Amino acid sequence: MTDAQRHDGPAQGLDADRLGALAVSEGPALYRMARSLVRDDDRAQDLVQQAFLRALERRGTFRGGDPAAWLRRIVWNLSIDQVRRGGRELPVDEIEERWASDDYTVDAERVVARAETRAELEDALIRLPYIYRSVLVLHDVEGWTVAHIADVLEIGLPAAKQRLRRGRMALVSALAHGEERREALDGVPLRCWDARRHVSEYMNGELTAAERAAIEAHLRTCPTCPPLYASLVGVRERLGDLRDPDSVVPPELGERIARALS
């Protein structure tokens, strides 16, 4: 029997105590992975917490091997559920067609200059379709090998290499055309995502006066965010209509929630 089988095999299993120990030893690495994938501290923390809860629920399906790799796969699968879809994503197939043309090129000096600005780089990254962005970040930011990425994502090595290649090409093209996006939003305070990720706190009255002023200035001038904000407010109001003032949470449900949170 190998050391891996002695330490990670099904004989020992993954009970709550062992998962607790893994939360201490692997938690920081899993958080870094989640943060790289979703680019948001709070969402990354939620992902890691959900991953351990799912691991606890499905511990009977663990068949040995490296439990850290199993947890990384769970984080990856959960992160897919949080992918934001929409027009912000770049058409990678079209970009690859441009790269296939001998006539296509970019201004390297301007691209590299924009990449040196964190806000520009993150704005370009977030526009990449998730399957390409995640491989690009895991490889070029976190230093994972392509083979490791393929193993965790459960895809073939050629597919992982293709996603890395396409992700790199799309990122360069996004940075090359970043000026066009800025011109379209000229005079709008804050980037859309900077405003949108704080809009829930804005609705709850949890921002400082300066932060509220920045959000309100953005909403006055941005062409796309006001309808989103109006929808958030309207849906919240409709949810409030569902509240039954005479209802009481059953004691056993409250106890179960408390136990789950603890």
Protein backbone atom coordinates (compact mmCIF):
# COMPACT_ATOMS: atom_id res chain seq x y z
CA MET A 1 0.00 0.00 0.00
CA THR A 2 1.34 3.44 -0.94
CA ASP A 3 1.55 6.46 1.37
CA ALA A 4 -1.28 8.10 -0.61
CA GLN A 5 -3.50 5.07 -0.05
CA ARG A 6 -2.69 5.00 3.65
CA HIS A 7 -3.51 8.69 4.09
CA ASP A 8 -6.21 9.27 1.49
CA GLY A 9 -7.79 5.91 0.77
CA PRO A 10 -11.40 4.99 1.37
CA ALA A 11 -10.54 3.06 4.51
CA GLN A 12 -10.05 6.33 6.36
CA GLY A 13 -12.86 8.14 4.53
CA LEU A 14 -13.79 11.80 4.82
CA ASP A 15 -15.70 12.39 8.00
CA ALA A 16 -16.54 15.80 9.46
CA ASP A 17 -13.37 15.90 11.59
CA ARG A 18 -11.11 15.20 8.63
CA LEU A 19 -12.89 17.76 6.49
CA GLY A 20 -12.40 20.24 9.32
CA ALA A 21 -8.67 19.56 9.26
CA LEU A 22 -8.66 19.97 5.47
CA ALA A 23 -10.44 23.30 5.86
CA VAL A 24 -7.45 24.51 7.89
CA SER A 25 -4.74 23.01 5.68
CA GLU A 26 -6.33 23.52 2.24
CA GLY A 27 -8.67 26.45 2.88
CA PRO A 28 -6.19 29.22 1.95
CA ALA A 29 -5.22 27.52 -1.33
CA LEU A 30 -8.85 26.87 -2.21
CA TYR A 31 -9.70 30.49 -1.46
CA ARG A 32 -6.88 31.71 -3.74
CA MET A 33 -8.19 29.45 -6.48
CA ALA A 34 -11.77 30.65 -6.01
CA ARG A 35 -10.66 34.30 -5.88
CA SER A 36 -8.78 33.87 -9.14
CA LEU A 37 -11.82 32.33 -10.78
CA VAL A 38 -14.55 34.74 -9.67
CA ARG A 39 -12.44 37.89 -9.03
CA ASP A 40 -14.41 38.83 -5.92
CA ASP A 41 -13.50 38.30 -2.25
CA ASP A 42 -17.02 37.67 -0.94
CA ARG A 43 -17.98 35.30 -3.72
CA ALA A 44 -14.73 33.41 -3.28
CA GLN A 45 -15.40 32.94 0.43
CA ASP A 46 -18.91 31.71 -0.36
CA LEU A 47 -17.54 29.27 -2.91
CA VAL A 48 -15.10 27.72 -0.46
CA GLN A 49 -17.74 27.44 2.25
CA GLN A 50 -20.17 25.83 -0.21
CA ALA A 51 -17.44 23.46 -1.36
CA PHE A 52 -16.87 22.10 2.13
CA LEU A 53 -20.60 21.80 2.77
CA ARG A 54 -21.01 19.88 -0.47
CA ALA A 55 -18.01 17.70 0.38
CA LEU A 56 -19.60 16.90 3.73
CA GLU A 57 -22.90 16.04 2.07
CA ARG A 58 -21.22 13.84 -0.55
CA ARG A 59 -18.35 12.41 1.46
CA GLY A 60 -19.67 8.94 0.74
CA THR A 61 -18.81 9.42 -2.94
CA PHE A 62 -15.11 10.01 -2.22
CA ARG A 63 -13.20 7.00 -3.50
CA GLY A 64 -9.72 7.75 -2.28
CA GLY A 65 -6.87 9.64 -3.86
CA ASP A 66 -5.99 13.23 -3.07
CA PRO A 67 -8.82 14.89 -1.10
CA ALA A 68 -7.41 18.34 -1.93
CA ALA A 69 -7.80 17.62 -5.65
CA TRP A 70 -11.36 16.44 -4.98
CA LEU A 71 -12.11 19.71 -3.16
CA ARG A 72 -10.57 21.76 -5.98
CA ARG A 73 -12.86 20.01 -8.44
CA ILE A 74 -15.86 20.87 -6.27
CA VAL A 75 -14.81 24.53 -6.16
CA TRP A 76 -14.49 24.52 -9.94
CA ASN A 77 -17.92 22.96 -10.45
CA LEU A 78 -19.51 25.45 -8.05
CA SER A 79 -17.81 28.36 -9.75
CA ILE A 80 -19.37 27.36 -13.06
CA ASP A 81 -22.78 27.82 -11.44
CA GLN A 82 -21.88 31.44 -10.72
CA VAL A 83 -20.82 32.34 -14.24
CA ARG A 84 -22.32 35.61 -15.40
CA ARG A 85 -23.68 35.33 -18.95
CA GLY A 86 -24.41 38.24 -21.23
CA GLY A 87 -23.14 40.68 -23.80
CA ARG A 88 -20.00 41.56 -21.85
CA GLU A 89 -18.35 38.31 -22.97
CA LEU A 90 -16.11 38.47 -25.99
CA PRO A 91 -16.84 36.32 -29.07
CA VAL A 92 -13.74 34.14 -28.81
CA ASP A 93 -14.44 32.25 -32.05
CA GLU A 94 -14.48 35.54 -33.96
CA ILE A 95 -11.30 36.66 -32.25
CA GLU A 96 -9.55 33.44 -33.24
CA GLU A 97 -10.63 34.05 -36.83
CA ARG A 98 -8.99 37.47 -36.66
CA TRP A 99 -5.77 35.94 -35.34
CA ALA A 100 -5.85 33.44 -38.21
CA SER A 101 -5.70 36.32 -40.70
CA ASP A 102 -2.26 37.53 -41.78
CA ASP A 103 -3.62 41.09 -41.81
CA TYR A 104 -4.63 41.19 -38.12
CA THR A 105 -2.32 42.88 -35.61
CA VAL A 106 -2.41 45.15 -32.57
CA ASP A 107 -0.35 47.97 -31.11
CA ALA A 108 1.89 46.02 -28.71
CA GLU A 109 3.03 49.11 -26.81
CA ARG A 110 -0.54 50.18 -26.05
CA VAL A 111 -1.63 46.65 -25.12
CA VAL A 112 1.23 46.16 -22.65
CA ALA A 113 0.70 49.64 -21.21
CA ARG A 114 -2.96 48.84 -20.54
CA ALA A 115 -2.03 45.48 -19.02
CA GLU A 116 0.15 47.34 -16.51
CA THR A 117 -2.99 49.07 -15.19
CA ARG A 118 -4.83 46.69 -12.87
CA ALA A 119 -8.28 48.13 -13.61
CA GLU A 120 -7.77 47.78 -17.37
CA LEU A 121 -6.46 44.23 -16.99
CA GLU A 122 -9.34 43.10 -14.77
CA ASP A 123 -11.91 44.74 -17.05
CA ALA A 124 -10.48 42.82 -20.01
CA LEU A 125 -10.30 39.56 -18.06
CA ILE A 126 -13.90 39.70 -16.86
CA ARG A 127 -15.07 39.96 -20.48
CA LEU A 128 -13.49 36.63 -21.44
CA PRO A 129 -15.88 33.66 -21.48
CA TYR A 130 -15.45 31.77 -18.23
CA ILE A 131 -13.99 28.56 -19.60
CA TYR A 132 -11.12 30.50 -21.17
CA ARG A 133 -10.66 33.05 -18.39
CA SER A 134 -10.43 30.38 -15.69
CA VAL A 135 -7.76 28.35 -17.49
CA LEU A 136 -5.79 31.51 -18.30
CA VAL A 137 -5.88 32.70 -14.68
CA LEU A 138 -5.05 29.30 -13.18
CA HIS A 139 -2.07 28.92 -15.51
CA ASP A 140 -0.63 32.43 -15.86
CA VAL A 141 -1.63 33.84 -12.47
CA GLU A 142 -1.64 30.84 -10.14
CA GLY A 143 1.14 28.94 -11.88
CA TRP A 144 -0.74 25.66 -12.41
CA THR A 145 0.54 23.34 -15.14
CA VAL A 146 -1.74 22.60 -18.08
CA ALA A 147 -1.81 18.94 -17.03
CA HIS A 148 -2.94 19.89 -13.52
CA ILE A 149 -5.68 22.13 -14.91
CA ALA A 150 -6.88 19.38 -17.23
CA ASP A 151 -7.02 16.94 -14.31
CA VAL A 152 -8.97 19.25 -11.99
CA LEU A 153 -11.36 20.38 -14.74
CA GLU A 154 -11.73 16.79 -15.99
CA ILE A 155 -10.99 17.73 -19.58
CA GLY A 156 -8.42 16.40 -22.01
CA LEU A 157 -4.94 17.90 -22.22
CA PRO A 158 -5.52 19.16 -25.81
CA ALA A 159 -8.72 20.92 -24.67
CA ALA A 160 -6.89 22.59 -21.79
CA LYS A 161 -4.13 23.77 -24.15
CA GLN A 162 -6.72 25.12 -26.59
CA ARG A 163 -8.51 27.06 -23.84
CA LEU A 164 -5.22 28.58 -22.69
CA ARG A 165 -4.29 29.61 -26.22
CA ARG A 166 -7.70 31.10 -26.94
CA GLY A 167 -7.79 32.86 -23.58
CA ARG A 168 -4.44 34.53 -24.18
CA MET A 169 -5.45 35.68 -27.66
CA ALA A 170 -8.81 37.02 -26.45
CA LEU A 171 -7.19 38.91 -23.57
CA VAL A 172 -4.75 40.67 -25.91
CA SER A 173 -7.59 41.61 -28.27
CA ALA A 174 -9.70 42.88 -25.36
CA LEU A 175 -6.85 45.08 -24.17
CA ALA A 176 -6.19 46.29 -27.71
CA HIS A 177 -9.77 47.50 -28.09
CA GLY A 178 -10.22 48.76 -24.53
CA GLU A 179 -10.10 52.38 -25.70
CA GLU A 180 -13.28 51.89 -27.73
CA ARG A 181 -15.12 50.72 -24.60
CA ARG A 182 -13.87 53.69 -22.62
CA GLU A 183 -15.03 56.13 -25.30
CA ALA A 184 -18.52 54.58 -25.19
CA LEU A 185 -18.62 55.20 -21.44
CA ASP A 186 -16.83 58.55 -21.51
CA GLY A 187 -17.94 60.77 -18.62
CA VAL A 188 -19.61 57.94 -16.66
CA PRO A 189 -18.24 57.78 -13.09
CA LEU A 190 -17.08 54.33 -12.01
CA ARG A 191 -16.89 51.23 -14.12
CA CYS A 192 -20.18 49.35 -14.39
CA TRP A 193 -18.97 46.39 -12.33
CA ASP A 194 -17.61 48.68 -9.62
CA ALA A 195 -21.08 50.18 -9.33
CA ARG A 196 -23.02 46.92 -9.70
CA ARG A 197 -21.07 44.94 -7.12
CA HIS A 198 -21.93 47.56 -4.48
CA VAL A 199 -25.53 48.14 -5.49
CA SER A 200 -26.92 45.74 -2.86
CA GLU A 201 -25.13 47.66 -0.11
CA TYR A 202 -26.43 50.87 -1.70
CA MET A 203 -29.99 49.56 -1.51
CA ASN A 204 -29.47 48.62 2.15
CA GLY A 205 -28.07 52.06 3.06
CA GLU A 206 -24.71 50.58 4.09
CA LEU A 207 -22.39 52.81 2.04
CA THR A 208 -20.63 55.98 3.10
CA ALA A 209 -21.87 59.32 1.78
CA ALA A 210 -19.03 59.46 -0.74
CA GLU A 211 -19.71 55.93 -1.96
CA ARG A 212 -23.43 56.65 -2.32
CA ALA A 213 -22.68 59.80 -4.28
CA ALA A 214 -20.43 57.86 -6.67
CA ILE A 215 -23.09 55.18 -7.25
CA GLU A 216 -25.79 57.81 -7.83
CA ALA A 217 -23.58 59.72 -10.27
CA HIS A 218 -22.99 56.49 -12.18
CA LEU A 219 -26.71 55.71 -12.31
CA ARG A 220 -27.46 59.20 -13.67
CA THR A 221 -25.10 58.81 -16.61
CA CYS A 222 -24.68 55.11 -17.41
CA PRO A 223 -26.85 53.83 -20.29
CA THR A 224 -27.12 50.22 -19.01
CA CYS A 225 -27.13 50.21 -15.20
CA PRO A 226 -30.35 52.13 -14.34
CA PRO A 227 -32.70 49.41 -15.68
CA LEU A 228 -30.77 46.80 -13.71
CA TYR A 229 -31.06 48.86 -10.53
CA ALA A 230 -34.77 49.50 -11.11
CA SER A 231 -35.29 45.76 -11.56
CA LEU A 232 -33.46 45.00 -8.30
CA VAL A 233 -35.62 47.49 -6.40
CA GLY A 234 -38.85 46.24 -7.98
CA VAL A 235 -38.10 42.58 -7.28
CA ARG A 236 -37.13 43.34 -3.68
CA GLU A 237 -40.45 45.11 -3.16
CA ARG A 238 -42.37 42.16 -4.60
CA LEU A 239 -40.47 39.80 -2.31
CA GLY A 240 -41.48 41.96 0.63
CA ASP A 241 -45.12 41.42 -0.35
CA LEU A 242 -44.67 37.69 0.31
CA ARG A 243 -44.02 38.24 4.00
CA ASP A 244 -46.76 36.84 6.22
CA PRO A 245 -46.84 38.82 9.51
CA ASP A 246 -48.55 35.90 11.24
CA SER A 247 -46.05 33.26 10.24
CA VAL A 248 -43.54 31.83 12.72
CA VAL A 249 -40.40 29.84 11.92
CA PRO A 250 -40.83 26.32 13.36
CA PRO A 251 -38.40 25.75 16.26
CA GLU A 252 -36.95 22.60 14.66
CA LEU A 253 -36.17 24.53 11.46
CA GLY A 254 -34.38 27.24 13.43
CA GLU A 255 -32.33 24.57 15.21
CA ARG A 256 -31.36 22.94 11.93
CA ILE A 257 -30.28 26.28 10.47
CA ALA A 258 -28.23 27.07 13.57
CA ARG A 259 -26.50 23.70 13.38
CA ALA A 260 -25.74 24.13 9.68
CA LEU A 261 -24.29 27.59 10.23
CA SER A 262 -22.16 26.42 13.14
